[in-house]
Amino acid sequence: MTTSNEGAPRVPARISIITLGVSDLATSIAFYQALGWQLSAASNEQIAWFRTVDSALGLFPAEELAADAGIPAGGEPAFRGVTLAINLESPKAVDEAFEVAVAAGAGVVKPAAETSWGGYSGYFEDPDGHLWEVAHNPGFPFTEAGQLDLP
């Protein structure tokens, strides 16, 4: 299905930054560093930045993030209706990533296993309950730069 909006203004299909609201910035920084992620020099006492292959992850105190968005803070549900995913090249790489995440303090939500869609996937949560899926999807190859190359 295609639609033509030729000449119409558009929003670029790009996710540049994902910012997670966290309850304890220092704890969250330590967790992501324990995953092996490098803290950016752009970080400061109020916000932490981690560069990913094709975007950036920000960590910001949850109450301040809510205030910045102009919404009330608190009362986060157990499931926020959002997951973040790290796609990897093989089931073995998924298992290895899970081992690192658990050693860093991640809670295993769903152990990695073969999926109904032909891949291999599991979920862990960070110190604030943000869900991360670690998956291998044989139908989603990677570029030489390590970016997902959707068909």
N, C-alpha and C. Protein backbone atom coordinates (compact mmCIF):
# COMPACT_ATOMS: atom_id res chain seq x y z
N MET A 1 0.84 -1.17 0.00
CA MET A 1 0.00 0.00 0.00
C MET A 1 0.89 1.23 0.00
N THR A 2 0.68 2.09 -0.97
CA THR A 2 1.42 3.33 -1.03
C THR A 2 0.46 4.49 -1.18
N THR A 3 0.82 5.58 -0.62
CA THR A 3 0.04 6.81 -0.80
C THR A 3 1.00 7.89 -1.23
N SER A 4 0.50 8.79 -2.02
CA SER A 4 1.35 9.86 -2.51
C SER A 4 0.98 11.17 -1.83
N ASN A 5 1.94 11.74 -1.17
CA ASN A 5 1.80 13.06 -0.57
C ASN A 5 2.87 13.96 -1.17
N GLU A 6 3.11 13.77 -2.46
CA GLU A 6 4.17 14.51 -3.13
C GLU A 6 4.04 16.00 -2.87
N GLY A 7 5.10 16.60 -2.46
CA GLY A 7 5.12 18.02 -2.20
C GLY A 7 4.59 18.42 -0.83
N ALA A 8 3.95 17.48 -0.11
CA ALA A 8 3.41 17.79 1.21
C ALA A 8 4.53 17.80 2.24
N PRO A 9 4.45 18.67 3.24
CA PRO A 9 5.45 18.63 4.31
C PRO A 9 5.42 17.26 4.98
N ARG A 10 6.55 16.83 5.49
CA ARG A 10 6.61 15.53 6.14
C ARG A 10 7.54 15.58 7.34
N VAL A 11 7.37 14.61 8.21
CA VAL A 11 8.27 14.42 9.34
C VAL A 11 9.25 13.33 8.94
N PRO A 12 10.55 13.58 8.99
CA PRO A 12 11.51 12.55 8.60
C PRO A 12 11.34 11.28 9.44
N ALA A 13 11.43 10.13 8.82
CA ALA A 13 11.34 8.84 9.51
C ALA A 13 12.68 8.56 10.18
N ARG A 14 12.81 9.13 11.36
CA ARG A 14 14.10 9.08 12.05
C ARG A 14 13.84 9.14 13.55
N ILE A 15 14.51 8.30 14.30
CA ILE A 15 14.47 8.40 15.75
C ILE A 15 15.89 8.79 16.18
N SER A 16 16.04 10.03 16.57
CA SER A 16 17.37 10.55 16.89
C SER A 16 17.75 10.30 18.34
N ILE A 17 16.79 10.52 19.25
CA ILE A 17 17.06 10.40 20.69
C ILE A 17 15.88 9.71 21.36
N ILE A 18 16.18 8.81 22.24
CA ILE A 18 15.20 8.24 23.16
C ILE A 18 15.64 8.65 24.55
N THR A 19 14.76 9.33 25.28
CA THR A 19 15.09 9.75 26.64
C THR A 19 14.23 8.98 27.61
N LEU A 20 14.87 8.32 28.56
CA LEU A 20 14.17 7.55 29.58
C LEU A 20 14.14 8.34 30.88
N GLY A 21 12.96 8.43 31.47
CA GLY A 21 12.85 9.03 32.79
C GLY A 21 13.29 8.02 33.83
N VAL A 22 14.21 8.42 34.69
CA VAL A 22 14.77 7.51 35.68
C VAL A 22 14.60 8.06 37.10
N SER A 23 14.56 7.16 38.06
CA SER A 23 14.37 7.58 39.45
C SER A 23 15.69 7.96 40.13
N ASP A 24 16.80 7.37 39.70
CA ASP A 24 18.11 7.66 40.28
C ASP A 24 19.11 7.70 39.14
N LEU A 25 19.52 8.91 38.75
CA LEU A 25 20.39 9.08 37.59
C LEU A 25 21.70 8.32 37.73
N ALA A 26 22.34 8.38 38.90
CA ALA A 26 23.63 7.71 39.10
C ALA A 26 23.49 6.19 38.95
N THR A 27 22.42 5.62 39.49
CA THR A 27 22.19 4.18 39.38
C THR A 27 21.99 3.79 37.92
N SER A 28 21.21 4.56 37.20
CA SER A 28 20.96 4.25 35.80
C SER A 28 22.21 4.40 34.94
N ILE A 29 23.00 5.43 35.20
CA ILE A 29 24.26 5.60 34.48
C ILE A 29 25.14 4.38 34.71
N ALA A 30 25.26 3.96 35.95
CA ALA A 30 26.10 2.79 36.27
C ALA A 30 25.59 1.54 35.56
N PHE A 31 24.27 1.36 35.50
CA PHE A 31 23.69 0.20 34.83
C PHE A 31 24.08 0.18 33.35
N TYR A 32 23.86 1.27 32.64
CA TYR A 32 24.15 1.30 31.21
C TYR A 32 25.65 1.23 30.93
N GLN A 33 26.45 1.78 31.81
CA GLN A 33 27.90 1.62 31.65
C GLN A 33 28.30 0.16 31.86
N ALA A 34 27.63 -0.52 32.78
CA ALA A 34 27.92 -1.94 33.01
C ALA A 34 27.52 -2.80 31.82
N LEU A 35 26.59 -2.30 30.99
CA LEU A 35 26.26 -3.01 29.74
C LEU A 35 27.39 -2.86 28.72
N GLY A 36 28.31 -1.92 28.99
CA GLY A 36 29.40 -1.66 28.07
C GLY A 36 29.18 -0.43 27.21
N TRP A 37 28.14 0.36 27.53
CA TRP A 37 27.84 1.55 26.76
C TRP A 37 28.68 2.71 27.27
N GLN A 38 29.16 3.55 26.35
CA GLN A 38 30.05 4.65 26.71
C GLN A 38 29.26 5.92 26.99
N LEU A 39 29.49 6.49 28.16
CA LEU A 39 28.88 7.75 28.55
C LEU A 39 29.49 8.87 27.72
N SER A 40 28.64 9.68 27.08
CA SER A 40 29.11 10.77 26.24
C SER A 40 29.61 11.94 27.08
N ALA A 41 30.58 12.64 26.53
CA ALA A 41 31.09 13.85 27.19
C ALA A 41 30.04 14.96 27.21
N ALA A 42 28.96 14.80 26.45
CA ALA A 42 27.86 15.77 26.47
C ALA A 42 27.01 15.64 27.74
N SER A 43 27.26 14.61 28.52
CA SER A 43 26.51 14.41 29.77
C SER A 43 26.89 15.46 30.80
N ASN A 44 25.97 15.71 31.75
CA ASN A 44 26.27 16.62 32.85
C ASN A 44 25.51 16.13 34.09
N GLU A 45 25.47 16.93 35.13
CA GLU A 45 24.82 16.50 36.38
C GLU A 45 23.32 16.31 36.25
N GLN A 46 22.70 16.90 35.23
CA GLN A 46 21.25 16.80 35.07
C GLN A 46 20.81 15.70 34.12
N ILE A 47 21.65 15.34 33.13
CA ILE A 47 21.25 14.37 32.10
C ILE A 47 22.47 13.59 31.63
N ALA A 48 22.22 12.33 31.31
CA ALA A 48 23.30 11.48 30.80
C ALA A 48 22.98 11.10 29.36
N TRP A 49 24.01 11.02 28.54
CA TRP A 49 23.86 10.66 27.13
C TRP A 49 24.74 9.47 26.80
N PHE A 50 24.17 8.53 26.05
CA PHE A 50 24.90 7.39 25.52
C PHE A 50 24.67 7.34 24.02
N ARG A 51 25.72 7.23 23.24
CA ARG A 51 25.60 7.10 21.79
C ARG A 51 25.32 5.64 21.46
N THR A 52 24.38 5.42 20.55
CA THR A 52 24.13 4.09 20.03
C THR A 52 24.52 4.10 18.55
N VAL A 53 24.35 2.99 17.86
CA VAL A 53 24.79 2.92 16.47
C VAL A 53 24.16 4.02 15.62
N ASP A 54 22.87 4.28 15.78
CA ASP A 54 22.23 5.26 14.91
C ASP A 54 21.29 6.22 15.65
N SER A 55 21.48 6.35 16.96
CA SER A 55 20.67 7.28 17.74
C SER A 55 21.42 7.58 19.04
N ALA A 56 20.72 8.23 19.96
CA ALA A 56 21.30 8.48 21.28
C ALA A 56 20.27 8.12 22.34
N LEU A 57 20.76 7.65 23.48
CA LEU A 57 19.91 7.35 24.62
C LEU A 57 20.20 8.39 25.69
N GLY A 58 19.16 9.06 26.14
CA GLY A 58 19.29 10.02 27.22
C GLY A 58 18.66 9.47 28.48
N LEU A 59 19.26 9.77 29.62
CA LEU A 59 18.70 9.42 30.93
C LEU A 59 18.49 10.73 31.67
N PHE A 60 17.26 10.95 32.15
CA PHE A 60 16.89 12.22 32.76
C PHE A 60 15.96 11.92 33.93
N PRO A 61 16.11 12.58 35.06
CA PRO A 61 15.21 12.31 36.18
C PRO A 61 13.74 12.37 35.73
N ALA A 62 12.97 11.35 36.09
CA ALA A 62 11.59 11.18 35.61
C ALA A 62 10.72 12.40 35.89
N GLU A 63 10.81 12.97 37.08
CA GLU A 63 9.96 14.12 37.41
C GLU A 63 10.32 15.33 36.55
N GLU A 64 11.61 15.50 36.27
CA GLU A 64 12.02 16.62 35.42
C GLU A 64 11.63 16.40 33.96
N LEU A 65 11.67 15.14 33.52
CA LEU A 65 11.25 14.82 32.16
C LEU A 65 9.75 15.09 31.99
N ALA A 66 8.95 14.70 32.99
CA ALA A 66 7.52 14.98 32.94
C ALA A 66 7.27 16.48 32.91
N ALA A 67 7.99 17.23 33.73
CA ALA A 67 7.82 18.69 33.75
C ALA A 67 8.20 19.30 32.40
N ASP A 68 9.26 18.80 31.80
CA ASP A 68 9.69 19.30 30.50
C ASP A 68 8.60 19.07 29.44
N ALA A 69 7.89 17.94 29.54
CA ALA A 69 6.82 17.61 28.60
C ALA A 69 5.50 18.29 28.97
N GLY A 70 5.46 18.89 30.16
CA GLY A 70 4.26 19.57 30.60
C GLY A 70 3.15 18.64 31.07
N ILE A 71 3.55 17.48 31.63
CA ILE A 71 2.56 16.52 32.14
C ILE A 71 2.86 16.20 33.59
N PRO A 72 1.86 15.71 34.34
CA PRO A 72 2.12 15.36 35.75
C PRO A 72 3.08 14.17 35.85
N ALA A 73 3.89 14.19 36.87
CA ALA A 73 4.85 13.10 37.11
C ALA A 73 4.22 12.06 38.00
N GLY A 74 4.85 10.90 38.03
CA GLY A 74 4.45 9.84 38.95
C GLY A 74 3.39 8.92 38.40
N GLY A 75 3.17 7.85 39.15
CA GLY A 75 2.15 6.90 38.80
C GLY A 75 2.46 6.08 37.56
N GLU A 76 3.75 5.84 37.29
CA GLU A 76 4.09 5.05 36.12
C GLU A 76 3.48 3.67 36.22
N PRO A 77 2.84 3.21 35.14
CA PRO A 77 2.26 1.87 35.16
C PRO A 77 3.34 0.80 35.11
N ALA A 78 3.00 -0.42 35.49
CA ALA A 78 3.96 -1.51 35.43
C ALA A 78 4.41 -1.75 34.00
N PHE A 79 3.50 -1.61 33.03
CA PHE A 79 3.86 -1.71 31.62
C PHE A 79 3.45 -0.43 30.94
N ARG A 80 4.41 0.25 30.37
CA ARG A 80 4.18 1.56 29.78
C ARG A 80 3.68 1.48 28.33
N GLY A 81 3.58 0.29 27.76
CA GLY A 81 3.15 0.15 26.38
C GLY A 81 4.25 0.42 25.38
N VAL A 82 5.50 0.41 25.85
CA VAL A 82 6.65 0.66 24.98
C VAL A 82 7.77 -0.30 25.35
N THR A 83 8.40 -0.85 24.34
CA THR A 83 9.63 -1.60 24.57
C THR A 83 10.70 -1.03 23.65
N LEU A 84 11.93 -1.17 24.07
CA LEU A 84 13.08 -0.80 23.26
C LEU A 84 13.74 -2.10 22.84
N ALA A 85 14.32 -2.14 21.67
CA ALA A 85 14.89 -3.40 21.19
C ALA A 85 16.33 -3.24 20.73
N ILE A 86 17.10 -4.25 21.04
CA ILE A 86 18.47 -4.37 20.55
C ILE A 86 18.47 -5.62 19.68
N ASN A 87 18.62 -5.43 18.37
CA ASN A 87 18.66 -6.57 17.46
C ASN A 87 20.11 -6.97 17.26
N LEU A 88 20.35 -8.27 17.30
CA LEU A 88 21.71 -8.79 17.20
C LEU A 88 21.82 -9.82 16.08
N GLU A 89 23.04 -10.17 15.76
CA GLU A 89 23.34 -10.99 14.58
C GLU A 89 23.05 -12.48 14.73
N SER A 90 22.88 -12.97 15.98
CA SER A 90 22.68 -14.41 16.17
C SER A 90 22.05 -14.70 17.52
N PRO A 91 21.46 -15.89 17.68
CA PRO A 91 20.95 -16.27 19.00
C PRO A 91 22.06 -16.29 20.06
N LYS A 92 23.26 -16.71 19.66
CA LYS A 92 24.37 -16.72 20.60
C LYS A 92 24.67 -15.31 21.11
N ALA A 93 24.62 -14.32 20.21
CA ALA A 93 24.86 -12.94 20.61
C ALA A 93 23.76 -12.45 21.56
N VAL A 94 22.53 -12.92 21.36
CA VAL A 94 21.43 -12.58 22.27
C VAL A 94 21.73 -13.14 23.66
N ASP A 95 22.11 -14.41 23.73
CA ASP A 95 22.43 -15.03 25.02
C ASP A 95 23.57 -14.30 25.72
N GLU A 96 24.60 -13.95 24.97
CA GLU A 96 25.73 -13.23 25.56
C GLU A 96 25.31 -11.86 26.09
N ALA A 97 24.46 -11.15 25.33
CA ALA A 97 23.98 -9.84 25.78
C ALA A 97 23.15 -9.98 27.05
N PHE A 98 22.34 -11.04 27.12
CA PHE A 98 21.54 -11.26 28.33
C PHE A 98 22.44 -11.50 29.54
N GLU A 99 23.51 -12.26 29.36
CA GLU A 99 24.44 -12.51 30.47
C GLU A 99 25.03 -11.20 30.98
N VAL A 100 25.42 -10.32 30.07
CA VAL A 100 25.99 -9.02 30.45
C VAL A 100 24.94 -8.19 31.18
N ALA A 101 23.71 -8.17 30.64
CA ALA A 101 22.64 -7.37 31.25
C ALA A 101 22.32 -7.86 32.66
N VAL A 102 22.24 -9.16 32.85
CA VAL A 102 21.95 -9.72 34.18
C VAL A 102 23.09 -9.39 35.14
N ALA A 103 24.32 -9.51 34.68
CA ALA A 103 25.47 -9.17 35.53
C ALA A 103 25.45 -7.68 35.90
N ALA A 104 24.89 -6.84 35.02
CA ALA A 104 24.79 -5.40 35.29
C ALA A 104 23.65 -5.07 36.24
N GLY A 105 22.79 -6.05 36.52
CA GLY A 105 21.68 -5.83 37.43
C GLY A 105 20.31 -5.82 36.79
N ALA A 106 20.22 -6.18 35.51
CA ALA A 106 18.93 -6.24 34.83
C ALA A 106 18.06 -7.34 35.42
N GLY A 107 16.77 -7.09 35.43
CA GLY A 107 15.82 -8.12 35.81
C GLY A 107 15.35 -8.84 34.56
N VAL A 108 15.38 -10.16 34.57
CA VAL A 108 14.92 -10.93 33.42
C VAL A 108 13.40 -10.97 33.46
N VAL A 109 12.77 -10.45 32.43
CA VAL A 109 11.32 -10.44 32.32
C VAL A 109 10.86 -11.68 31.58
N LYS A 110 11.56 -12.01 30.51
CA LYS A 110 11.26 -13.19 29.70
C LYS A 110 12.58 -13.72 29.16
N PRO A 111 12.99 -14.92 29.58
CA PRO A 111 14.26 -15.45 29.10
C PRO A 111 14.27 -15.58 27.58
N ALA A 112 15.43 -15.45 26.99
CA ALA A 112 15.56 -15.58 25.54
C ALA A 112 15.22 -17.01 25.11
N ALA A 113 14.45 -17.10 24.04
CA ALA A 113 14.02 -18.39 23.52
C ALA A 113 13.62 -18.22 22.05
N GLU A 114 13.47 -19.34 21.36
CA GLU A 114 12.99 -19.30 19.98
C GLU A 114 11.57 -18.73 19.98
N THR A 115 11.26 -17.99 18.92
CA THR A 115 9.96 -17.32 18.82
C THR A 115 9.07 -17.96 17.77
N SER A 116 7.80 -17.62 17.79
CA SER A 116 6.84 -18.12 16.80
C SER A 116 7.12 -17.53 15.42
N TRP A 117 7.81 -16.39 15.34
CA TRP A 117 8.09 -15.75 14.07
C TRP A 117 9.45 -16.15 13.48
N GLY A 118 10.07 -17.17 14.06
CA GLY A 118 11.31 -17.71 13.49
C GLY A 118 12.58 -17.08 14.00
N GLY A 119 12.48 -16.24 14.99
CA GLY A 119 13.66 -15.59 15.55
C GLY A 119 13.99 -16.12 16.93
N TYR A 120 14.71 -15.33 17.68
CA TYR A 120 15.15 -15.67 19.02
C TYR A 120 15.11 -14.39 19.83
N SER A 121 14.42 -14.39 20.96
CA SER A 121 14.17 -13.13 21.65
C SER A 121 13.89 -13.32 23.13
N GLY A 122 14.20 -12.30 23.90
CA GLY A 122 13.86 -12.26 25.32
C GLY A 122 13.82 -10.82 25.78
N TYR A 123 13.35 -10.59 27.02
CA TYR A 123 13.21 -9.24 27.55
C TYR A 123 13.88 -9.12 28.91
N PHE A 124 14.53 -7.97 29.14
CA PHE A 124 15.00 -7.63 30.48
C PHE A 124 14.52 -6.23 30.80
N GLU A 125 14.58 -5.87 32.10
CA GLU A 125 14.22 -4.51 32.50
C GLU A 125 15.39 -3.84 33.18
N ASP A 126 15.49 -2.53 32.95
CA ASP A 126 16.55 -1.74 33.59
C ASP A 126 16.11 -1.39 35.01
N PRO A 127 16.91 -0.65 35.78
CA PRO A 127 16.55 -0.35 37.17
C PRO A 127 15.21 0.37 37.35
N ASP A 128 14.70 1.03 36.30
CA ASP A 128 13.42 1.73 36.41
C ASP A 128 12.28 0.98 35.74
N GLY A 129 12.52 -0.25 35.32
CA GLY A 129 11.46 -1.04 34.72
C GLY A 129 11.26 -0.81 33.23
N HIS A 130 12.15 -0.06 32.58
CA HIS A 130 12.06 0.10 31.13
C HIS A 130 12.40 -1.25 30.49
N LEU A 131 11.52 -1.71 29.60
CA LEU A 131 11.71 -3.02 28.99
C LEU A 131 12.58 -2.94 27.74
N TRP A 132 13.57 -3.83 27.71
CA TRP A 132 14.46 -3.98 26.57
C TRP A 132 14.29 -5.38 26.01
N GLU A 133 13.99 -5.47 24.72
CA GLU A 133 13.98 -6.76 24.04
C GLU A 133 15.35 -6.94 23.41
N VAL A 134 15.92 -8.13 23.56
CA VAL A 134 17.15 -8.48 22.87
C VAL A 134 16.76 -9.59 21.92
N ALA A 135 16.98 -9.36 20.62
CA ALA A 135 16.44 -10.29 19.63
C ALA A 135 17.40 -10.54 18.48
N HIS A 136 17.21 -11.70 17.88
CA HIS A 136 17.81 -12.02 16.59
C HIS A 136 16.66 -12.31 15.65
N ASN A 137 16.56 -11.53 14.58
CA ASN A 137 15.55 -11.75 13.56
C ASN A 137 16.28 -12.08 12.27
N PRO A 138 16.21 -13.33 11.82
CA PRO A 138 16.97 -13.71 10.63
C PRO A 138 16.54 -12.96 9.36
N GLY A 139 15.38 -12.32 9.38
CA GLY A 139 14.92 -11.56 8.22
C GLY A 139 15.34 -10.11 8.22
N PHE A 140 16.04 -9.66 9.27
CA PHE A 140 16.48 -8.27 9.36
C PHE A 140 18.01 -8.23 9.37
N PRO A 141 18.63 -8.08 8.22
CA PRO A 141 20.10 -8.04 8.17
C PRO A 141 20.64 -6.69 8.68
N PHE A 142 21.96 -6.62 8.79
CA PHE A 142 22.63 -5.41 9.25
C PHE A 142 23.53 -4.86 8.15
N THR A 143 23.72 -3.53 8.17
CA THR A 143 24.68 -2.90 7.27
C THR A 143 26.07 -3.13 7.83
N GLU A 144 27.07 -2.74 7.06
CA GLU A 144 28.46 -2.85 7.55
C GLU A 144 28.68 -1.99 8.78
N ALA A 145 27.90 -0.90 8.92
CA ALA A 145 28.02 -0.01 10.07
C ALA A 145 27.29 -0.53 11.29
N GLY A 146 26.62 -1.69 11.16
CA GLY A 146 25.91 -2.28 12.28
C GLY A 146 24.49 -1.78 12.45
N GLN A 147 23.97 -1.06 11.46
CA GLN A 147 22.59 -0.58 11.51
C GLN A 147 21.65 -1.62 10.94
N LEU A 148 20.44 -1.67 11.48
CA LEU A 148 19.42 -2.57 10.98
C LEU A 148 19.08 -2.17 9.55
N ASP A 149 19.04 -3.15 8.65
CA ASP A 149 18.76 -2.90 7.24
C ASP A 149 17.42 -3.55 6.89
N LEU A 150 16.33 -2.84 7.24
CA LEU A 150 15.01 -3.38 6.97
C LEU A 150 14.78 -3.53 5.46
N PRO A 151 14.20 -4.66 5.06
CA PRO A 151 13.91 -4.83 3.63
C PRO A 151 12.82 -3.88 3.17
